[in-house]
N, C-alpha and C. Protein backbone atom coordinates (compact mmCIF):
# COMPACT_ATOMS: atom_id res chain seq x y z
N MET A 1 93.82 9.25 -106.14
CA MET A 1 94.25 9.94 -104.78
C MET A 1 93.17 10.39 -104.10
N ALA A 2 92.17 9.77 -105.07
CA ALA A 2 90.21 10.57 -104.11
C ALA A 2 90.34 9.71 -103.26
N GLY A 3 91.01 8.48 -103.32
CA GLY A 3 90.48 7.09 -102.18
C GLY A 3 91.16 7.65 -100.88
N GLY A 4 92.59 8.20 -101.01
CA GLY A 4 93.35 8.65 -100.32
C GLY A 4 92.64 9.71 -99.40
N GLY A 5 91.80 11.13 -100.25
CA GLY A 5 91.12 12.07 -99.19
C GLY A 5 89.94 11.35 -98.78
N ASN A 6 89.24 10.07 -99.45
CA ASN A 6 87.88 9.55 -98.10
C ASN A 6 88.61 8.82 -96.91
N PHE A 7 89.90 7.95 -97.25
CA PHE A 7 90.03 7.91 -95.96
C PHE A 7 90.60 8.67 -95.38
N ILE A 8 91.15 9.72 -95.53
CA ILE A 8 91.20 10.30 -94.07
C ILE A 8 90.32 11.45 -93.48
N ALA A 9 88.87 11.72 -94.37
CA ALA A 9 87.69 12.11 -94.26
C ALA A 9 86.74 11.30 -93.37
N ARG A 10 87.16 9.92 -92.88
CA ARG A 10 86.48 8.97 -92.67
C ARG A 10 87.39 9.24 -90.97
N VAL A 11 88.28 9.41 -91.00
CA VAL A 11 89.53 8.76 -89.74
C VAL A 11 89.19 10.16 -89.37
N VAL A 12 88.95 10.93 -89.60
CA VAL A 12 88.75 12.68 -89.02
C VAL A 12 87.11 12.63 -88.57
N SER A 13 86.23 11.62 -89.00
CA SER A 13 85.21 11.42 -88.81
C SER A 13 85.39 11.27 -87.99
N TYR A 14 85.79 9.55 -87.10
CA TYR A 14 85.67 8.94 -86.37
C TYR A 14 86.16 9.53 -85.13
N VAL A 15 87.55 10.17 -85.41
CA VAL A 15 88.25 10.95 -83.94
C VAL A 15 86.92 11.43 -83.14
N ALA A 16 86.99 12.69 -84.48
CA ALA A 16 85.68 13.38 -83.92
C ALA A 16 84.57 13.27 -83.40
N ASN A 17 83.72 11.86 -83.78
CA ASN A 17 82.67 11.42 -83.20
C ASN A 17 83.15 10.34 -81.89
N GLU A 18 84.10 9.88 -81.48
CA GLU A 18 84.40 9.82 -80.49
C GLU A 18 85.26 10.27 -79.08
N LEU A 19 85.39 11.98 -79.97
CA LEU A 19 85.61 12.90 -78.84
C LEU A 19 84.49 13.42 -78.69
N ILE A 20 83.10 13.99 -78.97
CA ILE A 20 81.72 13.94 -78.80
C ILE A 20 81.19 12.98 -77.92
N VAL A 21 81.27 11.87 -78.38
CA VAL A 21 80.57 11.04 -77.34
C VAL A 21 80.71 10.71 -76.38
N ASN A 22 82.42 10.85 -75.99
CA ASN A 22 82.91 10.55 -74.56
C ASN A 22 82.84 11.62 -73.78
N GLY A 23 83.11 12.71 -74.72
CA GLY A 23 83.10 14.27 -74.07
C GLY A 23 81.02 14.34 -73.98
N LEU A 24 80.19 13.82 -74.53
CA LEU A 24 79.02 14.09 -73.58
C LEU A 24 78.54 12.89 -72.37
N ALA A 25 79.19 11.84 -72.79
CA ALA A 25 78.88 10.57 -72.12
C ALA A 25 79.18 11.04 -70.56
N ASN A 26 80.30 11.63 -70.26
CA ASN A 26 80.73 12.33 -69.42
C ASN A 26 80.75 13.74 -68.93
N SER A 27 79.92 13.87 -69.59
CA SER A 27 78.86 15.49 -68.94
C SER A 27 77.86 15.25 -68.02
N HIS A 28 77.77 15.81 -66.65
CA HIS A 28 76.79 15.53 -66.23
C HIS A 28 75.80 16.23 -66.26
N ALA A 29 75.98 17.59 -66.96
CA ALA A 29 74.69 18.60 -67.08
C ALA A 29 74.30 17.78 -68.22
N PHE A 30 74.79 16.88 -69.48
CA PHE A 30 74.53 16.34 -70.81
C PHE A 30 73.40 15.04 -69.81
N GLN A 31 73.78 14.60 -68.91
CA GLN A 31 73.04 13.33 -68.26
C GLN A 31 71.44 13.71 -68.09
N ARG A 32 71.70 14.93 -67.25
CA ARG A 32 70.62 15.17 -66.73
C ARG A 32 69.83 15.82 -67.30
N PHE A 33 70.26 16.60 -68.72
CA PHE A 33 69.30 16.75 -70.02
C PHE A 33 68.26 15.63 -70.84
N ALA A 34 69.43 14.62 -70.76
CA ALA A 34 68.88 13.77 -71.61
C ALA A 34 67.61 13.00 -70.10
N VAL A 35 68.15 12.92 -69.38
CA VAL A 35 66.93 12.18 -67.99
C VAL A 35 66.07 13.21 -68.70
N ARG A 36 66.40 14.44 -68.10
CA ARG A 36 64.94 15.13 -68.00
C ARG A 36 63.91 14.80 -69.49
N THR A 37 64.65 14.70 -70.02
CA THR A 37 64.52 14.98 -71.93
C THR A 37 63.33 13.69 -72.04
N SER A 38 63.84 12.21 -71.42
CA SER A 38 63.57 11.13 -71.60
C SER A 38 61.89 11.20 -70.93
N LYS A 39 61.98 11.55 -69.55
CA LYS A 39 60.71 11.78 -68.65
C LYS A 39 59.66 12.18 -69.04
N LYS A 40 60.04 13.55 -70.10
CA LYS A 40 59.12 14.44 -70.38
C LYS A 40 58.38 13.87 -71.35
N ILE A 41 59.35 12.99 -72.43
CA ILE A 41 58.31 12.27 -73.35
C ILE A 41 57.88 10.86 -72.79
N GLU A 42 58.38 9.71 -71.93
CA GLU A 42 57.69 9.07 -71.64
C GLU A 42 56.22 9.77 -71.20
N ASN A 43 56.19 10.81 -70.08
CA ASN A 43 55.17 11.31 -69.57
C ASN A 43 54.04 11.95 -70.83
N ILE A 44 54.34 12.34 -71.97
CA ILE A 44 53.91 12.74 -73.25
C ILE A 44 53.18 11.55 -73.96
N SER A 45 54.17 10.65 -73.70
CA SER A 45 53.56 9.08 -74.71
C SER A 45 52.37 8.67 -73.91
N LYS A 46 52.54 8.56 -72.43
CA LYS A 46 51.47 8.31 -71.49
C LYS A 46 50.60 8.95 -71.65
N MET A 47 50.39 10.21 -71.83
CA MET A 47 49.00 11.58 -72.08
C MET A 47 48.05 10.52 -73.06
N ALA A 48 49.35 10.82 -74.45
CA ALA A 48 49.18 10.33 -75.40
C ALA A 48 47.81 9.73 -75.72
N ALA A 49 48.48 8.23 -75.07
CA ALA A 49 47.62 7.11 -75.17
C ALA A 49 46.31 6.89 -73.89
N GLU A 50 46.52 7.66 -73.01
CA GLU A 50 45.17 8.03 -72.46
C GLU A 50 44.35 8.74 -73.52
N ASN A 51 44.31 9.54 -73.53
CA ASN A 51 43.98 10.34 -74.72
C ASN A 51 43.10 9.48 -75.59
N LYS A 52 44.14 8.77 -76.30
CA LYS A 52 43.22 8.19 -77.54
C LYS A 52 42.20 7.03 -76.86
N GLU A 53 43.02 6.65 -75.74
CA GLU A 53 41.63 5.77 -75.61
C GLU A 53 40.51 5.98 -75.04
N ARG A 54 40.62 7.68 -74.38
CA ARG A 54 39.28 7.93 -73.99
C ARG A 54 38.65 8.63 -75.22
N VAL A 55 39.18 9.12 -76.52
CA VAL A 55 38.64 9.58 -77.87
C VAL A 55 38.24 8.25 -78.31
N ALA A 56 38.54 7.09 -78.27
CA ALA A 56 37.78 5.72 -78.82
C ALA A 56 36.93 5.40 -77.94
N GLN A 57 36.94 5.81 -76.41
CA GLN A 57 35.40 5.56 -76.08
C GLN A 57 34.60 6.17 -76.09
N GLN A 58 34.52 7.70 -76.37
CA GLN A 58 33.77 8.49 -76.66
C GLN A 58 32.77 8.52 -78.42
N MET A 59 33.98 7.89 -79.02
CA MET A 59 33.52 7.59 -80.39
C MET A 59 32.60 6.12 -80.22
N GLU A 60 32.48 5.33 -79.92
CA GLU A 60 31.87 4.44 -79.74
C GLU A 60 30.70 4.65 -79.32
N GLU A 61 30.85 5.67 -77.79
CA GLU A 61 29.59 5.75 -77.37
C GLU A 61 28.54 6.70 -78.20
N ILE A 62 28.97 7.22 -79.21
CA ILE A 62 28.59 8.70 -79.88
C ILE A 62 27.89 7.32 -80.92
N SER A 63 29.07 6.66 -81.49
CA SER A 63 28.22 5.61 -82.65
C SER A 63 27.25 4.99 -81.89
N LYS A 64 27.27 4.32 -80.80
CA LYS A 64 25.66 4.07 -79.71
C LYS A 64 24.55 4.41 -79.94
N ASN A 65 24.91 6.12 -79.88
CA ASN A 65 23.78 6.91 -79.46
C ASN A 65 23.03 7.36 -80.92
N MET A 66 23.70 7.00 -81.76
CA MET A 66 23.77 7.75 -83.27
C MET A 66 22.56 5.99 -84.16
N ASP A 67 23.32 4.92 -83.76
CA ASP A 67 22.49 3.73 -83.56
C ASP A 67 21.32 3.93 -82.69
N SER A 68 21.19 3.91 -81.67
CA SER A 68 19.70 4.19 -81.01
C SER A 68 18.72 5.09 -81.45
N PHE A 69 19.79 6.15 -82.08
CA PHE A 69 18.35 7.01 -82.65
C PHE A 69 17.84 6.93 -84.02
N LYS A 70 18.86 6.48 -84.39
CA LYS A 70 18.52 5.69 -86.14
C LYS A 70 16.90 4.64 -85.84
N LYS A 71 16.96 4.06 -85.03
CA LYS A 71 16.06 2.71 -84.31
C LYS A 71 14.82 3.58 -84.35
N GLN A 72 15.04 4.59 -83.40
CA GLN A 72 13.38 5.36 -83.00
C GLN A 72 13.02 5.60 -84.51
């Protein structure tokens, strides 16, 4: 009997998932939200990569300055 309940739960879950996915796929508001969110995440990732590069360059300069300071 437990197996039958599991099957019904899976069917209900599948149907609900299909309704939700189709509803969101056809929603212009959700599509705008998804595009805006994607662009914001893309911009944040780009800024993070630029900042990472900038910090790496600064650390390299500090390291060079420390080496030259030690040699004096």
